[in-house]
Structures are given as structure tokens and as C-alpha cells.
PDB file of N, CA and C in Angstrom:
ATOM      1  N   MET A   1     120.691 162.964  60.453  1.00  0.00           N
ATOM      2  CA  MET A   1     119.793 164.078  60.250  1.00  0.00           C
ATOM      3  C   MET A   1     120.597 165.249  59.694  1.00  0.00           C
ATOM      4  N   THR A   2     120.061 165.858  58.665  1.00  0.00           N
ATOM      5  CA  THR A   2     120.755 166.995  58.056  1.00  0.00           C
ATOM      6  C   THR A   2     120.297 168.283  58.702  1.00  0.00           C
ATOM      7  N   SER A   3     121.096 169.288  58.617  1.00  0.00           N
ATOM      8  CA  SER A   3     120.744 170.583  59.184  1.00  0.00           C
ATOM      9  C   SER A   3     120.803 171.644  58.099  1.00  0.00           C
ATOM     10  N   ILE A   4     120.458 172.870  58.475  1.00  0.00           N
ATOM     11  CA  ILE A   4     120.477 173.981  57.524  1.00  0.00           C
ATOM     12  C   ILE A   4     121.894 174.204  57.017  1.00  0.00           C
ATOM     13  N   ARG A   5     122.857 174.014  57.885  1.00  0.00           N
ATOM     14  CA  ARG A   5     124.247 174.229  57.479  1.00  0.00           C
ATOM     15  C   ARG A   5     124.681 173.236  56.416  1.00  0.00           C
ATOM     16  N   ASP A   6     124.021 172.090  56.363  1.00  0.00           N
ATOM     17  CA  ASP A   6     124.370 171.080  55.368  1.00  0.00           C
ATOM     18  C   ASP A   6     123.701 171.346  54.020  1.00  0.00           C
ATOM     19  N   GLY A   7     122.959 172.440  53.919  1.00  0.00           N
ATOM     20  CA  GLY A   7     122.323 172.780  52.650  1.00  0.00           C
ATOM     21  C   GLY A   7     120.852 172.412  52.566  1.00  0.00           C
ATOM     22  N   ASN A   8     120.276 171.905  53.632  1.00  0.00           N
ATOM     23  CA  ASN A   8     118.862 171.541  53.630  1.00  0.00           C
ATOM     24  C   ASN A   8     118.045 172.720  54.148  1.00  0.00           C
ATOM     25  N   ILE A   9     117.584 173.564  53.225  1.00  0.00           N
ATOM     26  CA  ILE A   9     116.847 174.764  53.644  1.00  0.00           C
ATOM     27  C   ILE A   9     115.460 174.431  54.176  1.00  0.00           C
ATOM     28  N   PHE A  10     114.942 173.266  53.861  1.00  0.00           N
ATOM     29  CA  PHE A  10     113.604 172.898  54.317  1.00  0.00           C
ATOM     30  C   PHE A  10     113.581 172.499  55.784  1.00  0.00           C
ATOM     31  N   GLU A  11     114.721 172.230  56.356  1.00  0.00           N
ATOM     32  CA  GLU A  11     114.806 171.886  57.766  1.00  0.00           C
ATOM     33  C   GLU A  11     114.290 173.032  58.632  1.00  0.00           C
ATOM     34  N   ALA A  12     114.493 174.275  58.204  1.00  0.00           N
ATOM     35  CA  ALA A  12     114.062 175.441  58.974  1.00  0.00           C
ATOM     36  C   ALA A  12     112.552 175.573  59.003  1.00  0.00           C
ATOM     37  N   MET A  13     111.874 174.966  58.072  1.00  0.00           N
ATOM     38  CA  MET A  13     110.420 175.096  58.018  1.00  0.00           C
ATOM     39  C   MET A  13     109.732 174.346  59.149  1.00  0.00           C
ATOM     40  N   ARG A  14     110.418 173.486  59.835  1.00  0.00           N
ATOM     41  CA  ARG A  14     109.816 172.775  60.948  1.00  0.00           C
ATOM     42  C   ARG A  14     109.712 173.655  62.185  1.00  0.00           C
ATOM     43  N   ILE A  15     110.425 174.745  62.192  1.00  0.00           N
ATOM     44  CA  ILE A  15     110.406 175.635  63.340  1.00  0.00           C
ATOM     45  C   ILE A  15     109.306 176.671  63.117  1.00  0.00           C
ATOM     46  N   LEU A  16     108.242 176.582  63.914  1.00  0.00           N
ATOM     47  CA  LEU A  16     107.133 177.527  63.805  1.00  0.00           C
ATOM     48  C   LEU A  16     106.907 178.188  65.152  1.00  0.00           C
ATOM     49  N   LEU A  17     106.649 179.460  65.095  1.00  0.00           N
ATOM     50  CA  LEU A  17     106.275 180.163  66.312  1.00  0.00           C
ATOM     51  C   LEU A  17     104.880 179.716  66.733  1.00  0.00           C
ATOM     52  N   PRO A  18     104.549 179.766  68.015  1.00  0.00           N
ATOM     53  CA  PRO A  18     103.219 179.317  68.468  1.00  0.00           C
ATOM     54  C   PRO A  18     102.063 180.018  67.750  1.00  0.00           C
ATOM     55  N   GLU A  19     102.182 181.327  67.516  1.00  0.00           N
ATOM     56  CA  GLU A  19     101.083 182.022  66.830  1.00  0.00           C
ATOM     57  C   GLU A  19     100.971 181.585  65.370  1.00  0.00           C
ATOM     58  N   HIS A  20     102.091 181.231  64.753  1.00  0.00           N
ATOM     59  CA  HIS A  20     102.033 180.720  63.385  1.00  0.00           C
ATOM     60  C   HIS A  20     101.446 179.315  63.362  1.00  0.00           C
ATOM     61  N   ARG A  21     101.776 178.533  64.370  1.00  0.00           N
ATOM     62  CA  ARG A  21     101.242 177.176  64.470  1.00  0.00           C
ATOM     63  C   ARG A  21      99.715 177.229  64.622  1.00  0.00           C
ATOM     64  N   ALA A  22      99.209 178.148  65.460  1.00  0.00           N
ATOM     65  CA  ALA A  22      97.760 178.286  65.654  1.00  0.00           C
ATOM     66  C   ALA A  22      97.085 178.736  64.361  1.00  0.00           C
ATOM     67  N   THR A  23      97.720 179.667  63.658  1.00  0.00           N
ATOM     68  CA  THR A  23      97.161 180.138  62.387  1.00  0.00           C
ATOM     69  C   THR A  23      97.131 179.011  61.363  1.00  0.00           C
ATOM     70  N   THR A  24      98.182 178.241  61.317  1.00  0.00           N
ATOM     71  CA  THR A  24      98.240 177.109  60.398  1.00  0.00           C
ATOM     72  C   THR A  24      97.151 176.090  60.721  1.00  0.00           C
ATOM     73  N   GLN A  25      96.929 175.834  62.002  1.00  0.00           N
ATOM     74  CA  GLN A  25      95.882 174.891  62.409  1.00  0.00           C
ATOM     75  C   GLN A  25      94.498 175.406  62.030  1.00  0.00           C
ATOM     76  N   ARG A  26      94.232 176.695  62.253  1.00  0.00           N
ATOM     77  CA  ARG A  26      92.933 177.275  61.872  1.00  0.00           C
ATOM     78  C   ARG A  26      92.720 177.183  60.364  1.00  0.00           C
ATOM     79  N   TYR A  27      93.783 177.431  59.608  1.00  0.00           N
ATOM     80  CA  TYR A  27      93.680 177.355  58.153  1.00  0.00           C
ATOM     81  C   TYR A  27      93.353 175.933  57.705  1.00  0.00           C
ATOM     82  N   ARG A  28      93.995 174.951  58.303  1.00  0.00           N
ATOM     83  CA  ARG A  28      93.713 173.550  57.960  1.00  0.00           C
ATOM     84  C   ARG A  28      92.270 173.183  58.300  1.00  0.00           C
ATOM     85  N   GLU A  29      91.781 173.643  59.453  1.00  0.00           N
ATOM     86  CA  GLU A  29      90.389 173.376  59.835  1.00  0.00           C
ATOM     87  C   GLU A  29      89.430 174.046  58.874  1.00  0.00           C
ATOM     88  N   TRP A  30      89.745 175.288  58.472  1.00  0.00           N
ATOM     89  CA  TRP A  30      88.883 176.011  57.534  1.00  0.00           C
ATOM     90  C   TRP A  30      88.825 175.280  56.200  1.00  0.00           C
ATOM     91  N   ARG A  31      89.959 174.775  55.723  1.00  0.00           N
ATOM     92  CA  ARG A  31      90.012 174.072  54.442  1.00  0.00           C
ATOM     93  C   ARG A  31      89.256 172.750  54.479  1.00  0.00           C
ATOM     94  N   SER A  32      89.216 172.110  55.642  1.00  0.00           N
ATOM     95  CA  SER A  32      88.573 170.804  55.731  1.00  0.00           C
ATOM     96  C   SER A  32      87.080 170.886  56.062  1.00  0.00           C
ATOM     97  N   ARG A  33      86.551 172.081  56.277  1.00  0.00           N
ATOM     98  CA  ARG A  33      85.120 172.218  56.593  1.00  0.00           C
ATOM     99  C   ARG A  33      84.256 171.811  55.415  1.00  0.00           C
ATOM    100  N   ARG A  34      83.087 171.334  55.733  1.00  0.00           N
ATOM    101  CA  ARG A  34      82.116 170.975  54.690  1.00  0.00           C
ATOM    102  C   ARG A  34      81.641 172.241  53.994  1.00  0.00           C
ATOM    103  N   ARG A  35      81.390 172.118  52.743  1.00  0.00           N
ATOM    104  CA  ARG A  35      80.870 173.229  51.957  1.00  0.00           C
ATOM    105  C   ARG A  35      79.449 172.881  51.503  1.00  0.00           C
ATOM    106  N   PRO A  36      78.592 173.886  51.375  1.00  0.00           N
ATOM    107  CA  PRO A  36      77.226 173.579  50.913  1.00  0.00           C
ATOM    108  C   PRO A  36      77.248 173.054  49.483  1.00  0.00           C
ATOM    109  N   PRO A  37      76.376 172.116  49.178  1.00  0.00           N
ATOM    110  CA  PRO A  37      76.356 171.564  47.815  1.00  0.00           C
ATOM    111  C   PRO A  37      75.799 172.573  46.822  1.00  0.00           C
ATOM    112  N   GLU A  38      76.250 172.459  45.600  1.00  0.00           N
ATOM    113  CA  GLU A  38      75.726 173.286  44.513  1.00  0.00           C
ATOM    114  C   GLU A  38      74.493 172.570  43.957  1.00  0.00           C
ATOM    115  N   LEU A  39      73.327 173.176  44.124  1.00  0.00           N
ATOM    116  CA  LEU A  39      72.088 172.558  43.654  1.00  0.00           C
ATOM    117  C   LEU A  39      71.801 172.990  42.224  1.00  0.00           C
ATOM    118  N   SER A  40      71.347 172.047  41.426  1.00  0.00           N
ATOM    119  CA  SER A  40      71.009 172.350  40.031  1.00  0.00           C
ATOM    120  C   SER A  40      69.651 173.046  39.976  1.00  0.00           C
ATOM    121  N   ALA A  41      69.348 173.596  38.824  1.00  0.00           N
ATOM    122  CA  ALA A  41      68.056 174.268  38.627  1.00  0.00           C
ATOM    123  C   ALA A  41      66.910 173.280  38.782  1.00  0.00           C
ATOM    124  N   ASP A  42      67.117 172.042  38.328  1.00  0.00           N
ATOM    125  CA  ASP A  42      66.080 171.013  38.465  1.00  0.00           C
ATOM    126  C   ASP A  42      65.817 170.683  39.933  1.00  0.00           C
ATOM    127  N   GLU A  43      66.872 170.558  40.710  1.00  0.00           N
ATOM    128  CA  GLU A  43      66.712 170.258  42.135  1.00  0.00           C
ATOM    129  C   GLU A  43      65.992 171.404  42.853  1.00  0.00           C
ATOM    130  N   LEU A  44      66.343 172.636  42.503  1.00  0.00           N
ATOM    131  CA  LEU A  44      65.684 173.789  43.121  1.00  0.00           C
ATOM    132  C   LEU A  44      64.207 173.855  42.756  1.00  0.00           C
ATOM    133  N   SER A  45      63.886 173.609  41.496  1.00  0.00           N
ATOM    134  CA  SER A  45      62.472 173.665  41.088  1.00  0.00           C
ATOM    135  C   SER A  45      61.677 172.514  41.705  1.00  0.00           C
ATOM    136  N   GLU A  46      62.304 171.346  41.869  1.00  0.00           N
ATOM    137  CA  GLU A  46      61.621 170.224  42.515  1.00  0.00           C
ATOM    138  C   GLU A  46      61.325 170.546  43.979  1.00  0.00           C
ATOM    139  N   MET A  47      62.290 171.152  44.674  1.00  0.00           N
ATOM    140  CA  MET A  47      62.061 171.537  46.073  1.00  0.00           C
ATOM    141  C   MET A  47      60.950 172.585  46.155  1.00  0.00           C
ATOM    142  N   GLN A  48      60.957 173.546  45.230  1.00  0.00           N
ATOM    143  CA  GLN A  48      59.933 174.586  45.225  1.00  0.00           C
ATOM    144  C   GLN A  48      58.548 173.976  44.998  1.00  0.00           C
ATOM    145  N   TYR A  49      58.468 173.012  44.088  1.00  0.00           N
ATOM    146  CA  TYR A  49      57.190 172.358  43.812  1.00  0.00           C
ATOM    147  C   TYR A  49      56.678 171.611  45.037  1.00  0.00           C
ATOM    148  N   LYS A  50      57.560 170.828  45.676  1.00  0.00           N
ATOM    149  CA  LYS A  50      57.155 170.069  46.858  1.00  0.00           C
ATOM    150  C   LYS A  50      56.703 170.993  47.983  1.00  0.00           C
ATOM    151  N   LEU A  51      57.442 172.096  48.172  1.00  0.00           N
ATOM    152  CA  LEU A  51      57.071 173.042  49.232  1.00  0.00           C
ATOM    153  C   LEU A  51      55.740 173.732  48.938  1.00  0.00           C
ATOM    154  N   SER A  52      55.560 174.184  47.708  1.00  0.00           N
ATOM    155  CA  SER A  52      54.309 174.884  47.386  1.00  0.00           C
ATOM    156  C   SER A  52      53.112 173.950  47.513  1.00  0.00           C
ATOM    157  N   GLU A  53      53.287 172.692  47.111  1.00  0.00           N
ATOM    158  CA  GLU A  53      52.205 171.719  47.251  1.00  0.00           C
ATOM    159  C   GLU A  53      51.905 171.454  48.734  1.00  0.00           C
ATOM    160  N   ALA A  54      52.950 171.316  49.547  1.00  0.00           N
ATOM    161  CA  ALA A  54      52.764 171.060  50.977  1.00  0.00           C
ATOM    162  C   ALA A  54      52.123 172.255  51.669  1.00  0.00           C
ATOM    163  N   ILE A  55      52.474 173.476  51.255  1.00  0.00           N
ATOM    164  CA  ILE A  55      51.876 174.673  51.846  1.00  0.00           C
ATOM    165  C   ILE A  55      50.390 174.733  51.500  1.00  0.00           C
ATOM    166  N   GLU A  56      50.083 174.478  50.237  1.00  0.00           N
ATOM    167  CA  GLU A  56      48.697 174.555  49.786  1.00  0.00           C
ATOM    168  C   GLU A  56      47.819 173.490  50.441  1.00  0.00           C
ATOM    169  N   LEU A  57      48.333 172.269  50.574  1.00  0.00           N
ATOM    170  CA  LEU A  57      47.543 171.167  51.114  1.00  0.00           C
ATOM    171  C   LEU A  57      47.749 170.962  52.611  1.00  0.00           C
ATOM    172  N   ARG A  58      48.617 171.799  53.228  1.00  0.00           N
ATOM    173  CA  ARG A  58      48.931 171.711  54.655  1.00  0.00           C
ATOM    174  C   ARG A  58      49.428 170.313  55.032  1.00  0.00           C
ATOM    175  N   ARG A  59      50.342 169.802  54.224  1.00  0.00           N
ATOM    176  CA  ARG A  59      50.932 168.492  54.456  1.00  0.00           C
ATOM    177  C   ARG A  59      52.295 168.644  55.134  1.00  0.00           C
ATOM    178  N   PRO A  60      52.632 167.729  56.017  1.00  0.00           N
ATOM    179  CA  PRO A  60      53.948 167.796  56.677  1.00  0.00           C
ATOM    180  C   PRO A  60      55.084 167.449  55.718  1.00  0.00           C
ATOM    181  N   VAL A  61      56.224 168.074  55.958  1.00  0.00           N
ATOM    182  CA  VAL A  61      57.422 167.821  55.165  1.00  0.00           C
ATOM    183  C   VAL A  61      58.605 167.612  56.106  1.00  0.00           C
ATOM    184  N   ARG A  62      59.659 167.088  55.542  1.00  0.00           N
ATOM    185  CA  ARG A  62      60.932 166.922  56.256  1.00  0.00           C
ATOM    186  C   ARG A  62      61.960 167.744  55.484  1.00  0.00           C
ATOM    187  N   LEU A  63      62.544 168.739  56.147  1.00  0.00           N
ATOM    188  CA  LEU A  63      63.518 169.612  55.508  1.00  0.00           C
ATOM    189  C   LEU A  63      64.916 169.278  56.009  1.00  0.00           C
ATOM    190  N   VAL A  64      65.861 169.229  55.098  1.00  0.00           N
ATOM    191  CA  VAL A  64      67.265 169.003  55.439  1.00  0.00           C
ATOM    192  C   VAL A  64      68.011 170.300  55.143  1.00  0.00           C
ATOM    193  N   LEU A  65      68.595 170.886  56.199  1.00  0.00           N
ATOM    194  CA  LEU A  65      69.316 172.152  56.084  1.00  0.00           C
ATOM    195  C   LEU A  65      70.809 171.911  56.244  1.00  0.00           C
ATOM    196  N   PHE A  66      71.592 172.620  55.469  1.00  0.00           N
ATOM    197  CA  PHE A  66      73.041 172.481  55.535  1.00  0.00           C
ATOM    198  C   PHE A  66      73.589 173.126  56.804  1.00  0.00           C
ATOM    199  N   HIS A  67      74.559 172.467  57.405  1.00  0.00           N
ATOM    200  CA  HIS A  67      75.336 173.025  58.505  1.00  0.00           C
ATOM    201  C   HIS A  67      76.754 172.501  58.325  1.00  0.00           C
ATOM    202  N   PRO A  68      77.785 173.332  58.581  1.00  0.00           N
ATOM    203  CA  PRO A  68      79.165 172.891  58.345  1.00  0.00           C
ATOM    204  C   PRO A  68      79.557 171.630  59.110  1.00  0.00           C
ATOM    205  N   ASP A  69      78.994 171.408  60.290  1.00  0.00           N
ATOM    206  CA  ASP A  69      79.352 170.221  61.059  1.00  0.00           C
ATOM    207  C   ASP A  69      78.545 169.003  60.621  1.00  0.00           C
ATOM    208  N   GLU A  70      77.224 169.130  60.632  1.00  0.00           N
ATOM    209  CA  GLU A  70      76.363 168.057  60.134  1.00  0.00           C
ATOM    210  C   GLU A  70      75.009 168.648  59.788  1.00  0.00           C
ATOM    211  N   ASP A  71      74.297 167.989  58.892  1.00  0.00           N
ATOM    212  CA  ASP A  71      73.014 168.497  58.416  1.00  0.00           C
ATOM    213  C   ASP A  71      71.993 168.543  59.548  1.00  0.00           C
ATOM    214  N   VAL A  72      71.077 169.512  59.445  1.00  0.00           N
ATOM    215  CA  VAL A  72      70.011 169.685  60.424  1.00  0.00           C
ATOM    216  C   VAL A  72      68.702 169.264  59.764  1.00  0.00           C
ATOM    217  N   VAL A  73      67.943 168.419  60.434  1.00  0.00           N
ATOM    218  CA  VAL A  73      66.668 167.941  59.901  1.00  0.00           C
ATOM    219  C   VAL A  73      65.555 168.474  60.784  1.00  0.00           C
ATOM    220  N   ILE A  74      64.565 169.129  60.144  1.00  0.00           N
ATOM    221  CA  ILE A  74      63.388 169.589  60.872  1.00  0.00           C
ATOM    222  C   ILE A  74      62.145 169.104  60.127  1.00  0.00           C
ATOM    223  N   MET A  75      61.107 168.797  60.891  1.00  0.00           N
ATOM    224  CA  MET A  75      59.874 168.286  60.299  1.00  0.00           C
ATOM    225  C   MET A  75      58.695 169.107  60.792  1.00  0.00           C
ATOM    226  N   GLY A  76      57.720 169.259  59.926  1.00  0.00           N
ATOM    227  CA  GLY A  76      56.517 169.979  60.285  1.00  0.00           C
ATOM    228  C   GLY A  76      55.729 170.391  59.056  1.00  0.00           C
ATOM    229  N   VAL A  77      54.719 171.220  59.297  1.00  0.00           N
ATOM    230  CA  VAL A  77      53.849 171.708  58.224  1.00  0.00           C
ATOM    231  C   VAL A  77      54.333 173.107  57.825  1.00  0.00           C
ATOM    232  N   PRO A  78      54.700 173.290  56.549  1.00  0.00           N
ATOM    233  CA  PRO A  78      55.223 174.591  56.120  1.00  0.00           C
ATOM    234  C   PRO A  78      54.118 175.632  55.949  1.00  0.00           C
ATOM    235  N   GLU A  79      54.500 176.876  56.178  1.00  0.00           N
ATOM    236  CA  GLU A  79      53.584 178.001  56.015  1.00  0.00           C
ATOM    237  C   GLU A  79      54.395 179.191  55.501  1.00  0.00           C
ATOM    238  N   LEU A  80      53.845 179.888  54.523  1.00  0.00           N
ATOM    239  CA  LEU A  80      54.494 181.078  53.985  1.00  0.00           C
ATOM    240  C   LEU A  80      53.779 182.289  54.552  1.00  0.00           C
ATOM    241  N   LYS A  81      54.491 183.065  55.338  1.00  0.00           N
ATOM    242  CA  LYS A  81      53.877 184.217  55.989  1.00  0.00           C
ATOM    243  C   LYS A  81      54.869 185.372  55.962  1.00  0.00           C
ATOM    244  N   GLY A  82      54.445 186.504  55.417  1.00  0.00           N
ATOM    245  CA  GLY A  82      55.311 187.672  55.369  1.00  0.00           C
ATOM    246  C   GLY A  82      56.524 187.482  54.475  1.00  0.00           C
ATOM    247  N   GLY A  83      56.408 186.642  53.464  1.00  0.00           N
ATOM    248  CA  GLY A  83      57.519 186.381  52.570  1.00  0.00           C
ATOM    249  C   GLY A  83      58.582 185.467  53.156  1.00  0.00           C
ATOM    250  N   ARG A  84      58.289 184.854  54.278  1.00  0.00           N
ATOM    251  CA  ARG A  84      59.230 183.935  54.928  1.00  0.00           C
ATOM    252  C   ARG A  84      58.591 182.572  55.082  1.00  0.00           C
ATOM    253  N   LEU A  85      59.461 181.562  55.085  1.00  0.00           N
ATOM    254  CA  LEU A  85      58.995 180.189  55.233  1.00  0.00           C
ATOM    255  C   LEU A  85      59.087 179.786  56.694  1.00  0.00           C
ATOM    256  N   TRP A  86      57.951 179.377  57.249  1.00  0.00           N
ATOM    257  CA  TRP A  86      57.876 178.910  58.631  1.00  0.00           C
ATOM    258  C   TRP A  86      57.491 177.448  58.617  1.00  0.00           C
ATOM    259  N   LEU A  87      57.875 176.737  59.659  1.00  0.00           N
ATOM    260  CA  LEU A  87      57.527 175.336  59.785  1.00  0.00           C
ATOM    261  C   LEU A  87      56.879 175.123  61.144  1.00  0.00           C
ATOM    262  N   TRP A  88      55.624 174.656  61.131  1.00  0.00           N
ATOM    263  CA  TRP A  88      54.915 174.337  62.376  1.00  0.00           C
ATOM    264  C   TRP A  88      55.273 172.917  62.758  1.00  0.00           C
ATOM    265  N   ARG A  89      55.931 172.761  63.881  1.00  0.00           N
ATOM    266  CA  ARG A  89      56.345 171.434  64.349  1.00  0.00           C
ATOM    267  C   ARG A  89      55.217 170.767  65.117  1.00  0.00           C
ATOM    268  N   ASP A  90      55.387 169.483  65.393  1.00  0.00           N
ATOM    269  CA  ASP A  90      54.357 168.704  66.094  1.00  0.00           C
ATOM    270  C   ASP A  90      54.105 169.207  67.509  1.00  0.00           C
ATOM    271  N   ASP A  91      55.120 169.819  68.128  1.00  0.00           N
ATOM    272  CA  ASP A  91      54.955 170.311  69.502  1.00  0.00           C
ATOM    273  C   ASP A  91      54.258 171.670  69.563  1.00  0.00           C
ATOM    274  N   GLY A  92      53.816 172.191  68.402  1.00  0.00           N
ATOM    275  CA  GLY A  92      53.095 173.458  68.364  1.00  0.00           C
ATOM    276  C   GLY A  92      53.984 174.674  68.181  1.00  0.00           C
ATOM    277  N   ASN A  93      55.278 174.499  68.197  1.00  0.00           N
ATOM    278  CA  ASN A  93      56.199 175.618  67.990  1.00  0.00           C
ATOM    279  C   ASN A  93      56.421 175.867  66.507  1.00  0.00           C
ATOM    280  N   ARG A  94      56.725 177.102  66.196  1.00  0.00           N
ATOM    281  CA  ARG A  94      56.950 177.515  64.820  1.00  0.00           C
ATOM    282  C   ARG A  94      58.429 177.859  64.655  1.00  0.00           C
ATOM    283  N   VAL A  95      59.048 177.370  63.564  1.00  0.00           N
ATOM    284  CA  VAL A  95      60.466 177.570  63.300  1.00  0.00           C
ATOM    285  C   VAL A  95      60.635 178.318  61.987  1.00  0.00           C
ATOM    286  N   LEU A  96      61.460 179.365  62.003  1.00  0.00           N
ATOM    287  CA  LEU A  96      61.776 180.094  60.779  1.00  0.00           C
ATOM    288  C   LEU A  96      62.829 179.310  60.013  1.00  0.00           C
ATOM    289  N   VAL A  97      62.597 179.062  58.730  1.00  0.00           N
ATOM    290  CA  VAL A  97      63.505 178.273  57.908  1.00  0.00           C
ATOM    291  C   VAL A  97      64.395 179.210  57.095  1.00  0.00           C
ATOM    292  N   ASP A  98      65.703 179.009  57.188  1.00  0.00           N
ATOM    293  CA  ASP A  98      66.657 179.755  56.376  1.00  0.00           C
ATOM    294  C   ASP A  98      66.759 179.049  55.023  1.00  0.00           C
ATOM    295  N   CYS A  99      66.077 179.585  54.024  1.00  0.00           N
ATOM    296  CA  CYS A  99      65.993 178.927  52.720  1.00  0.00           C
ATOM    297  C   CYS A  99      67.347 178.845  52.016  1.00  0.00           C
ATOM    298  N   ARG A 100      68.288 179.694  52.401  1.00  0.00           N
ATOM    299  CA  ARG A 100      69.622 179.636  51.782  1.00  0.00           C
ATOM    300  C   ARG A 100      70.353 178.362  52.184  1.00  0.00           C
ATOM    301  N   ARG A 101      69.962 177.760  53.308  1.00  0.00           N
ATOM    302  CA  ARG A 101      70.611 176.530  53.782  1.00  0.00           C
ATOM    303  C   ARG A 101      69.849 175.272  53.372  1.00  0.00           C
ATOM    304  N   LEU A 102      68.719 175.436  52.704  1.00  0.00           N
ATOM    305  CA  LEU A 102      67.860 174.308  52.340  1.00  0.00           C
ATOM    306  C   LEU A 102      68.540 173.427  51.293  1.00  0.00           C
ATOM    307  N   MET A 103      68.657 172.141  51.621  1.00  0.00           N
ATOM    308  CA  MET A 103      69.306 171.189  50.712  1.00  0.00           C
ATOM    309  C   MET A 103      68.321 170.190  50.113  1.00  0.00           C
ATOM    310  N   ARG A 104      67.301 169.844  50.902  1.00  0.00           N
ATOM    311  CA  ARG A 104      66.382 168.802  50.436  1.00  0.00           C
ATOM    312  C   ARG A 104      65.022 168.971  51.087  1.00  0.00           C
ATOM    313  N   VAL A 105      63.974 168.684  50.336  1.00  0.00           N
ATOM    314  CA  VAL A 105      62.590 168.701  50.847  1.00  0.00           C
ATOM    315  C   VAL A 105      62.019 167.323  50.587  1.00  0.00           C
ATOM    316  N   GLU A 106      61.539 166.693  51.650  1.00  0.00           N
ATOM    317  CA  GLU A 106      60.943 165.363  51.523  1.00  0.00           C
ATOM    318  C   GLU A 106      59.542 165.404  52.105  1.00  0.00           C
ATOM    319  N   THR A 107      58.612 164.764  51.405  1.00  0.00           N
ATOM    320  CA  THR A 107      57.253 164.654  51.930  1.00  0.00           C
ATOM    321  C   THR A 107      57.193 163.418  52.808  1.00  0.00           C
ATOM    322  N   ARG A 108      56.550 163.566  53.955  1.00  0.00           N
ATOM    323  CA  ARG A 108      56.435 162.427  54.868  1.00  0.00           C
ATOM    324  C   ARG A 108      55.326 161.503  54.394  1.00  0.00           C
ATOM    325  N   CYS A 109      55.537 160.237  54.596  1.00  0.00           N
ATOM    326  CA  CYS A 109      54.521 159.255  54.208  1.00  0.00           C
ATOM    327  C   CYS A 109      53.635 158.901  55.384  1.00  0.00           C
TER     328      CYS A 109
END
């Protein structure tokens, strides 16, 4: 094994203070997190069409929302109220949908 005295300057890089080690670990976790997909204009207009049709006809939809850990799926009948998108679930509860996280709109069969 070589040491710093032998001319191996990279040997010193293995020595990290605990606070630096924690920072390095947080940075690695941040870099490996999932990122939201970039949706094309066609995908956005298709989602808008499906949602507007479901709102008008009061048809149930399945929405897939982005989350850094794993996607969130909610199902129900969409409603536009006060400029916000709400989803009426089967249990009678209403959920506010964060449209910035919306990845996919599927109509239920």
C-alpha cells in the first residue's frame, strides 16, 4: 500500500471528516433521485383533451402523478372548480390534484 509520502496524493482523499461524509452521502442521494419526465406538447394536449372530455361527461379517470420515490395513482371523476382540478373518489372524498405533477391521464374502461 502506498502512502502520501510515497507520492500518492490521492491516498489523502480517503480521509473524510464525518460532516463531509454526511454531505457527500446527501449529494449522492440527491443526484440519484428520480426527476419528473419532460412531457411533449402532444402529450400535454392529449392529457388536456382526455381531462376536458371526462369533466364534461363526468367519466372516471385514472391519474398518474409524479413523486420522487414512486408514482402516485389516484382514480375518480374530475371536476374543475375555482380554477383548480378536483377528483371525486369512489369513497365520496374529494382530492385536489397538483397539475404540475401530472404525468398521465387514463380513461377507465
